[in-house]
Amino acid sequence: MKHQITFARLPDIEPDEIIAHMSDPRVAEHMPLLTFKWDKSAVAKFVAAKEECWSRDGLGHWAILSDKTYVGWGGFQKEGDEWDFGLVLTPQSFGLGARISKQAIDFARADERIPFVTFLLPPSRRNLGALDRLGAVFIAEQVYDGETFLKFRLETE
């Protein structure tokens, strides 16, 4: 069955859904910067920070829906002069990652502001075949907030 993937804004999602999602240990497994407990205050700060990106840059992270059901968040965030793509799905939706990423990358290719996309993945992520299939290339290791990540780049022009 093919799921209809749509992008919405994070304020449209009930905070309890985000709390349940981000509190799941399977999600935290590959998120070394996730070192705090998610509660309504954490969600409010998170959503406000992501909405600030939309105000500042005209683009940011979306809430991702599959058949109108929240399955995670992700999108593009400006890091200096680069657009970084991130995707954090609920465990029951991990299998949708490739489809959602392709749809988001298609968006980036159509947006003249985004000549390339970067991806920062923790070294714990071993299955990187999806990035290879997209055409992303490894650039370097990068330290971000004290944690090491693998940085990849995908040309979109």
Protein backbone atom coordinates (compact mmCIF):
# COMPACT_ATOMS: atom_id res chain seq x y z
CA MET A 1 0.00 0.00 0.00
CA LYS A 2 1.43 3.36 -1.01
CA HIS A 3 1.18 6.01 1.67
CA GLN A 4 0.48 9.64 0.78
CA ILE A 5 3.34 11.69 2.23
CA THR A 6 2.61 15.34 2.98
CA PHE A 7 4.50 18.08 4.79
CA ALA A 8 2.87 20.28 7.43
CA ARG A 9 4.17 22.69 10.05
CA LEU A 10 5.26 21.50 13.48
CA PRO A 11 2.81 23.76 15.40
CA ASP A 12 0.01 21.72 13.78
CA ILE A 13 1.10 18.59 15.68
CA GLU A 14 -0.10 17.82 19.19
CA PRO A 15 2.83 18.19 21.62
CA ASP A 16 2.10 14.77 23.14
CA GLU A 17 2.76 13.15 19.75
CA ILE A 18 6.16 14.80 19.52
CA ILE A 19 6.94 13.89 23.15
CA ALA A 20 6.11 10.22 22.50
CA HIS A 21 8.15 10.24 19.30
CA MET A 22 11.25 11.89 20.73
CA SER A 23 11.12 9.91 23.99
CA ASP A 24 11.35 6.56 22.22
CA PRO A 25 14.80 5.02 22.89
CA ARG A 26 14.93 3.69 19.30
CA VAL A 27 14.87 7.31 18.08
CA ALA A 28 17.53 8.46 20.57
CA GLU A 29 19.85 5.61 19.55
CA HIS A 30 21.23 7.61 16.59
CA MET A 31 20.82 11.10 18.04
CA PRO A 32 23.88 11.87 20.19
CA LEU A 33 22.66 15.43 20.85
CA LEU A 34 19.41 14.14 22.37
CA THR A 35 20.49 14.37 26.00
CA PHE A 36 17.39 15.79 27.68
CA LYS A 37 13.89 14.64 28.59
CA TRP A 38 11.12 15.61 26.23
CA ASP A 39 8.16 17.30 27.89
CA LYS A 40 5.74 20.06 26.89
CA SER A 41 8.36 22.73 27.62
CA ALA A 42 10.97 20.97 25.46
CA VAL A 43 8.46 20.63 22.62
CA ALA A 44 7.51 24.31 22.87
CA LYS A 45 11.20 25.35 22.66
CA PHE A 46 11.85 22.90 19.80
CA VAL A 47 8.85 24.07 17.76
CA ALA A 48 9.69 27.73 18.42
CA ALA A 49 13.30 27.19 17.26
CA LYS A 50 12.16 25.42 14.10
CA GLU A 51 9.57 28.11 13.37
CA GLU A 52 12.29 30.76 13.82
CA CYS A 53 14.16 29.10 10.94
CA TRP A 54 11.06 29.52 8.78
CA SER A 55 10.85 33.21 9.75
CA ARG A 56 14.57 33.84 9.22
CA ASP A 57 15.24 31.69 6.12
CA GLY A 58 11.83 31.08 4.54
CA LEU A 59 12.35 27.34 4.96
CA GLY A 60 12.80 24.92 7.82
CA HIS A 61 11.71 21.61 9.24
CA TRP A 62 8.27 20.20 8.53
CA ALA A 63 6.06 17.83 10.39
CA ILE A 64 5.82 14.80 8.11
CA LEU A 65 2.50 13.06 7.64
CA SER A 66 1.68 9.72 6.06
CA ASP A 67 -2.00 9.45 5.22
CA LYS A 68 -2.55 12.48 7.50
CA THR A 69 -0.87 10.74 10.48
CA TYR A 70 2.26 12.22 12.06
CA VAL A 71 5.29 10.03 11.30
CA GLY A 72 8.13 12.41 12.20
CA TRP A 73 9.81 15.66 11.36
CA GLY A 74 12.50 16.79 9.01
CA GLY A 75 13.48 19.19 6.32
CA PHE A 76 16.07 21.83 5.60
CA GLN A 77 17.84 24.07 8.06
CA LYS A 78 20.33 26.75 7.10
CA GLU A 79 23.73 26.16 8.71
CA GLY A 80 25.92 29.08 7.67
CA ASP A 81 25.76 29.09 3.86
CA GLU A 82 24.62 25.47 3.64
CA TRP A 83 21.22 23.83 3.73
CA ASP A 84 21.38 20.79 5.98
CA PHE A 85 18.73 18.08 5.59
CA GLY A 86 17.58 16.16 8.63
CA LEU A 87 14.94 13.48 9.09
CA VAL A 88 13.72 11.97 12.36
CA LEU A 89 10.97 9.38 11.97
CA THR A 90 8.90 7.46 14.49
CA PRO A 91 10.13 3.86 14.80
CA GLN A 92 7.01 2.43 13.15
CA SER A 93 7.74 4.68 10.14
CA PHE A 94 11.46 3.99 9.67
CA GLY A 95 10.68 2.21 6.40
CA LEU A 96 9.34 5.45 4.87
CA GLY A 97 12.69 7.25 5.13
CA ALA A 98 13.82 6.72 1.54
CA ARG A 99 10.49 7.87 0.10
CA ILE A 100 10.29 10.93 2.33
CA SER A 101 13.93 11.84 1.62
CA LYS A 102 13.38 11.56 -2.13
CA GLN A 103 10.32 13.81 -1.93
CA ALA A 104 12.25 16.38 0.13
CA ILE A 105 15.28 16.25 -2.18
CA ASP A 106 12.97 16.75 -5.17
CA PHE A 107 11.74 19.88 -3.35
CA ALA A 108 15.37 21.05 -2.91
CA ARG A 109 16.15 20.46 -6.58
CA ALA A 110 13.20 22.66 -7.54
CA ASP A 111 14.20 25.44 -5.12
CA GLU A 112 16.80 27.83 -6.58
CA ARG A 113 17.99 28.77 -3.08
CA ILE A 114 19.42 25.27 -2.56
CA PRO A 115 22.40 24.50 -4.87
CA PHE A 116 23.36 21.57 -2.65
CA VAL A 117 22.24 19.80 0.52
CA THR A 118 24.38 18.55 3.38
CA PHE A 119 23.65 15.65 5.72
CA LEU A 120 25.20 15.14 9.16
CA LEU A 121 24.95 11.57 10.41
CA PRO A 122 26.34 10.11 13.61
CA PRO A 123 29.03 7.43 13.15
CA SER A 124 26.59 4.95 14.70
CA ARG A 125 24.65 5.02 11.41
CA ARG A 126 26.20 2.16 9.45
CA ASN A 127 23.67 1.69 6.65
CA LEU A 128 24.44 4.60 4.35
CA GLY A 129 23.23 3.04 1.10
CA ALA A 130 20.34 5.49 0.79
CA LEU A 131 22.76 8.44 0.68
CA ASP A 132 24.81 6.65 -1.95
CA ARG A 133 21.70 6.00 -4.05
CA LEU A 134 20.80 9.70 -3.82
CA GLY A 135 24.27 10.59 -5.09
CA ALA A 136 25.57 12.15 -1.87
CA VAL A 137 29.32 12.04 -1.32
CA PHE A 138 31.23 11.90 1.95
CA ILE A 139 32.98 15.22 2.70
CA ALA A 140 34.54 14.88 6.15
CA GLU A 141 33.98 14.25 9.81
CA GLN A 142 32.59 17.33 11.54
CA VAL A 143 32.26 18.15 15.23
CA TYR A 144 28.92 19.75 16.08
CA ASP A 145 28.05 20.63 19.69
CA GLY A 146 30.90 18.42 20.88
CA GLU A 147 29.81 15.33 18.93
CA THR A 148 31.39 13.90 15.79
CA PHE A 149 29.24 13.48 12.70
CA LEU A 150 29.84 12.22 9.18
CA LYS A 151 29.16 15.01 6.68
CA PHE A 152 27.84 14.26 3.20
CA ARG A 153 26.95 16.59 0.33
CA LEU A 154 24.45 16.22 -2.49
CA GLU A 155 24.44 18.59 -5.46
CA THR A 156 20.90 19.67 -6.34
CA GLU A 157 21.56 21.83 -9.39
